[in-house]
Amino acid sequence: MTIYLCNVCNQIYDPAEGDPDSGIAPGTAFENLPDDWVCPDCGATKDDFEEMED
């Protein structure tokens, strides 16, 4: 799965880990996050994230 980087605070969303503090289970692809999901560190929206190059 692709890892995503927040352009605001550099937080990484790793689908393998999910976002347990926000109720997002491990294995949840970025595309499957709820539309209202925000960065757990800075509150940025999904639009503020971009795919990281391997």
C-alpha atoms as a PDB file:
ATOM      1  CA  MET A   1       0.000   0.000   0.000  1.00  0.00           C
ATOM      2  CA  THR A   2       1.089   3.571  -0.680  1.00  0.00           C
ATOM      3  CA  ILE A   3       2.158   5.845   2.168  1.00  0.00           C
ATOM      4  CA  TYR A   4       0.875   9.443   2.226  1.00  0.00           C
ATOM      5  CA  LEU A   5       2.553  12.580   3.585  1.00  0.00           C
ATOM      6  CA  CYS A   6       0.803  15.639   5.026  1.00  0.00           C
ATOM      7  CA  ASN A   7       2.046  18.734   3.183  1.00  0.00           C
ATOM      8  CA  VAL A   8       1.294  20.888   6.244  1.00  0.00           C
ATOM      9  CA  CYS A   9       3.094  19.077   9.092  1.00  0.00           C
ATOM     10  CA  ASN A  10       4.864  16.101   7.436  1.00  0.00           C
ATOM     11  CA  GLN A  11       2.752  13.528   9.308  1.00  0.00           C
ATOM     12  CA  ILE A  12       2.766  10.175   7.517  1.00  0.00           C
ATOM     13  CA  TYR A  13      -0.368   8.112   6.981  1.00  0.00           C
ATOM     14  CA  ASP A  14       0.670   4.479   6.674  1.00  0.00           C
ATOM     15  CA  PRO A  15      -2.264   2.238   5.696  1.00  0.00           C
ATOM     16  CA  ALA A  16      -0.576  -0.719   7.395  1.00  0.00           C
ATOM     17  CA  GLU A  17      -0.914   1.132  10.725  1.00  0.00           C
ATOM     18  CA  GLY A  18      -4.168   3.006  10.095  1.00  0.00           C
ATOM     19  CA  ASP A  19      -5.100   5.746  12.583  1.00  0.00           C
ATOM     20  CA  PRO A  20      -6.313   3.926  15.698  1.00  0.00           C
ATOM     21  CA  ASP A  21      -6.815   7.172  17.647  1.00  0.00           C
ATOM     22  CA  SER A  22      -9.376   8.207  15.012  1.00  0.00           C
ATOM     23  CA  GLY A  23     -10.982   4.772  14.762  1.00  0.00           C
ATOM     24  CA  ILE A  24      -9.265   3.870  11.476  1.00  0.00           C
ATOM     25  CA  ALA A  25      -8.286   0.200  11.460  1.00  0.00           C
ATOM     26  CA  PRO A  26      -4.899  -1.049  10.243  1.00  0.00           C
ATOM     27  CA  GLY A  27      -5.076  -2.013   6.582  1.00  0.00           C
ATOM     28  CA  THR A  28      -7.350   0.915   5.634  1.00  0.00           C
ATOM     29  CA  ALA A  29      -6.236   2.368   2.299  1.00  0.00           C
ATOM     30  CA  PHE A  30      -5.985   6.168   2.097  1.00  0.00           C
ATOM     31  CA  GLU A  31      -8.709   6.196  -0.565  1.00  0.00           C
ATOM     32  CA  ASN A  32     -11.044   4.457   1.884  1.00  0.00           C
ATOM     33  CA  LEU A  33     -10.633   6.992   4.683  1.00  0.00           C
ATOM     34  CA  PRO A  34     -13.828   8.929   5.429  1.00  0.00           C
ATOM     35  CA  ASP A  35     -14.110  12.216   3.521  1.00  0.00           C
ATOM     36  CA  ASP A  36     -14.108  14.111   6.818  1.00  0.00           C
ATOM     37  CA  TRP A  37     -10.919  12.442   8.117  1.00  0.00           C
ATOM     38  CA  VAL A  38      -8.213  14.948   9.059  1.00  0.00           C
ATOM     39  CA  CYS A  39      -4.532  14.754   9.931  1.00  0.00           C
ATOM     40  CA  PRO A  40      -4.246  13.646  13.564  1.00  0.00           C
ATOM     41  CA  ASP A  41      -1.394  16.106  14.184  1.00  0.00           C
ATOM     42  CA  CYS A  42      -2.484  19.343  12.488  1.00  0.00           C
ATOM     43  CA  GLY A  43      -6.086  18.886  11.327  1.00  0.00           C
ATOM     44  CA  ALA A  44      -5.279  19.195   7.609  1.00  0.00           C
ATOM     45  CA  THR A  45      -7.761  17.588   5.202  1.00  0.00           C
ATOM     46  CA  LYS A  46      -7.145  14.602   2.948  1.00  0.00           C
ATOM     47  CA  ASP A  47      -6.502  17.041   0.091  1.00  0.00           C
ATOM     48  CA  ASP A  48      -3.375  18.199   1.940  1.00  0.00           C
ATOM     49  CA  PHE A  49      -1.793  14.736   1.677  1.00  0.00           C
ATOM     50  CA  GLU A  50       0.238  13.411  -1.243  1.00  0.00           C
ATOM     51  CA  GLU A  51       1.682  10.039  -2.148  1.00  0.00           C
ATOM     52  CA  MET A  52       5.258   9.466  -1.064  1.00  0.00           C
ATOM     53  CA  GLU A  53       7.766   8.096  -3.506  1.00  0.00           C
ATOM     54  CA  ASP A  54       9.351   4.780  -2.554  1.00  0.00           C
END
